[in-house]
C-alpha atoms as a PDB file:
ATOM      1  CA  UNK A   1       9.110 -20.594  43.563  1.00  0.00           C
ATOM      2  CA  UNK A   2       8.796 -17.287  41.677  1.00  0.00           C
ATOM      3  CA  UNK A   3       9.595 -14.096  43.562  1.00  0.00           C
ATOM      4  CA  UNK A   4       7.249 -11.105  43.417  1.00  0.00           C
ATOM      5  CA  UNK A   5       9.438  -9.257  40.893  1.00  0.00           C
ATOM      6  CA  UNK A   6       9.768 -12.308  38.709  1.00  0.00           C
ATOM      7  CA  UNK A   7       6.013 -12.957  38.889  1.00  0.00           C
ATOM      8  CA  UNK A   8       5.282  -9.463  37.588  1.00  0.00           C
ATOM      9  CA  UNK A   9       7.858  -9.876  34.807  1.00  0.00           C
ATOM     10  CA  UNK A  10       6.341 -13.257  33.908  1.00  0.00           C
ATOM     11  CA  UNK A  11       2.871 -11.658  33.770  1.00  0.00           C
ATOM     12  CA  UNK A  12       4.106  -8.870  31.472  1.00  0.00           C
ATOM     13  CA  UNK A  13       5.940 -11.289  29.181  1.00  0.00           C
ATOM     14  CA  UNK A  14       2.907 -13.574  29.006  1.00  0.00           C
ATOM     15  CA  UNK A  15       0.717 -10.642  27.995  1.00  0.00           C
ATOM     16  CA  UNK A  16       3.281  -9.545  25.396  1.00  0.00           C
ATOM     17  CA  UNK A  17       3.395 -13.033  23.919  1.00  0.00           C
ATOM     18  CA  UNK A  18      -0.413 -13.021  23.550  1.00  0.00           C
ATOM     19  CA  UNK A  19      -0.299  -9.637  21.818  1.00  0.00           C
ATOM     20  CA  UNK A  20       2.421 -10.832  19.453  1.00  0.00           C
ATOM     21  CA  UNK A  21       0.467 -13.977  18.603  1.00  0.00           C
ATOM     22  CA  UNK A  22      -2.669 -11.936  17.917  1.00  0.00           C
ATOM     23  CA  UNK A  23      -0.711  -9.473  15.801  1.00  0.00           C
ATOM     24  CA  UNK A  24       0.708 -12.330  13.724  1.00  0.00           C
ATOM     25  CA  UNK A  25      -2.741 -13.627  12.794  1.00  0.00           C
ATOM     26  CA  UNK A  26      -3.974 -12.249   9.490  1.00  0.00           C
ATOM     27  CA  UNK A  27      -7.297 -10.415   9.900  1.00  0.00           C
ATOM     28  CA  UNK A  28     -10.123 -11.451   7.606  1.00  0.00           C
ATOM     29  CA  UNK A  29     -12.167  -8.749   5.904  1.00  0.00           C
ATOM     30  CA  UNK A  30     -15.769  -9.804   6.520  1.00  0.00           C
ATOM     31  CA  UNK A  31     -17.122  -7.094   4.212  1.00  0.00           C
ATOM     32  CA  UNK A  32     -15.772  -8.808   1.094  1.00  0.00           C
ATOM     33  CA  UNK A  33     -17.332 -12.106   2.203  1.00  0.00           C
ATOM     34  CA  UNK A  34     -20.744 -10.477   2.719  1.00  0.00           C
ATOM     35  CA  UNK A  35     -20.468  -8.590  -0.583  1.00  0.00           C
ATOM     36  CA  UNK A  36     -19.992 -11.898  -2.385  1.00  0.00           C
ATOM     37  CA  UNK A  37     -23.097 -13.247  -0.636  1.00  0.00           C
ATOM     38  CA  UNK A  38     -25.161 -10.178  -1.516  1.00  0.00           C
ATOM     39  CA  UNK A  39     -24.147  -9.678  -5.156  1.00  0.00           C
ATOM     40  CA  UNK A  40     -26.580 -12.340  -6.468  1.00  0.00           C
ATOM     41  CA  UNK A  41     -29.438 -10.388  -4.847  1.00  0.00           C
ATOM     42  CA  UNK A  42     -28.522  -7.350  -6.966  1.00  0.00           C
ATOM     43  CA  UNK A  43     -28.514  -9.014 -10.384  1.00  0.00           C
ATOM     44  CA  UNK A  44     -31.081  -6.594 -11.807  1.00  0.00           C
ATOM     45  CA  UNK A  45     -28.938  -3.544 -10.970  1.00  0.00           C
ATOM     46  CA  UNK A  46     -25.852  -5.337 -12.331  1.00  0.00           C
ATOM     47  CA  UNK A  47     -27.596  -6.137 -15.635  1.00  0.00           C
ATOM     48  CA  UNK A  48     -28.717  -2.513 -15.954  1.00  0.00           C
ATOM     49  CA  UNK A  49     -25.122  -1.409 -15.431  1.00  0.00           C
ATOM     50  CA  UNK A  50     -23.795  -3.928 -17.975  1.00  0.00           C
ATOM     51  CA  UNK A  51     -26.412  -2.793 -20.520  1.00  0.00           C
ATOM     52  CA  UNK A  52     -25.333   0.790 -19.998  1.00  0.00           C
ATOM     53  CA  UNK A  53     -21.677  -0.142 -20.471  1.00  0.00           C
ATOM     54  CA  UNK A  54     -22.522  -1.722 -23.839  1.00  0.00           C
ATOM     55  CA  UNK A  55     -24.410   1.397 -24.942  1.00  0.00           C
ATOM     56  CA  UNK A  56     -21.614   3.702 -23.794  1.00  0.00           C
ATOM     57  CA  UNK A  57     -18.982   1.649 -25.606  1.00  0.00           C
ATOM     58  CA  UNK A  58     -20.852   2.404 -28.834  1.00  0.00           C
ATOM     59  CA  UNK A  59     -20.897   6.153 -28.079  1.00  0.00           C
ATOM     60  CA  UNK A  60     -18.375   8.015 -30.216  1.00  0.00           C
ATOM     61  CA  UNK A  61     -18.650  11.361 -28.396  1.00  0.00           C
ATOM     62  CA  UNK A  62     -17.314  10.129 -25.066  1.00  0.00           C
ATOM     63  CA  UNK A  63     -19.843  12.204 -23.115  1.00  0.00           C
ATOM     64  CA  UNK A  64     -22.006   9.351 -21.852  1.00  0.00           C
ATOM     65  CA  UNK A  65     -21.245   7.357 -18.717  1.00  0.00           C
ATOM     66  CA  UNK A  66     -22.764   4.737 -16.412  1.00  0.00           C
ATOM     67  CA  UNK A  67     -21.976   6.303 -13.062  1.00  0.00           C
ATOM     68  CA  UNK A  68     -25.617   6.267 -11.948  1.00  0.00           C
ATOM     69  CA  UNK A  69     -26.087   2.586 -12.707  1.00  0.00           C
ATOM     70  CA  UNK A  70     -22.758   1.760 -11.087  1.00  0.00           C
ATOM     71  CA  UNK A  71     -23.748   3.509  -7.866  1.00  0.00           C
ATOM     72  CA  UNK A  72     -27.221   1.909  -7.962  1.00  0.00           C
ATOM     73  CA  UNK A  73     -25.581  -1.517  -8.070  1.00  0.00           C
ATOM     74  CA  UNK A  74     -23.245  -0.819  -5.157  1.00  0.00           C
ATOM     75  CA  UNK A  75     -26.056   0.804  -3.165  1.00  0.00           C
ATOM     76  CA  UNK A  76     -28.012  -2.440  -3.517  1.00  0.00           C
ATOM     77  CA  UNK A  77     -25.009  -4.485  -2.382  1.00  0.00           C
ATOM     78  CA  UNK A  78     -24.256  -2.149   0.540  1.00  0.00           C
ATOM     79  CA  UNK A  79     -27.893  -2.177   1.673  1.00  0.00           C
ATOM     80  CA  UNK A  80     -27.714  -5.973   1.882  1.00  0.00           C
ATOM     81  CA  UNK A  81     -24.245  -6.065   3.491  1.00  0.00           C
ATOM     82  CA  UNK A  82     -24.714  -3.405   6.191  1.00  0.00           C
ATOM     83  CA  UNK A  83     -26.968  -5.324   8.622  1.00  0.00           C
ATOM     84  CA  UNK A  84     -24.877  -8.485   8.337  1.00  0.00           C
ATOM     85  CA  UNK A  85     -21.622  -6.613   8.840  1.00  0.00           C
ATOM     86  CA  UNK A  86     -22.815  -4.599  11.830  1.00  0.00           C
ATOM     87  CA  UNK A  87     -24.160  -7.759  13.484  1.00  0.00           C
ATOM     88  CA  UNK A  88     -20.595  -9.140  13.337  1.00  0.00           C
ATOM     89  CA  UNK A  89     -19.164  -5.973  14.886  1.00  0.00           C
ATOM     90  CA  UNK A  90     -21.350  -6.218  17.983  1.00  0.00           C
END
């Protein structure tokens, strides 16, 4: 039979063991998974970005960039990912 003091200690140690086990598990980043699912839906934006990169590579002045196309691509991906990700957080 466990005394009252030992029962409380057992309860605390049991809780600690659960916390340690949970801390040992490697968390999985769901955002990367959903990004991989959504990237095929944003092929048009990706192709526009890749076309820009080819044009910029030919630019000798170094003043041109593809920042706009890059952000358009990631905006498309994020717009697809956001609802899926927030559904997982609930």
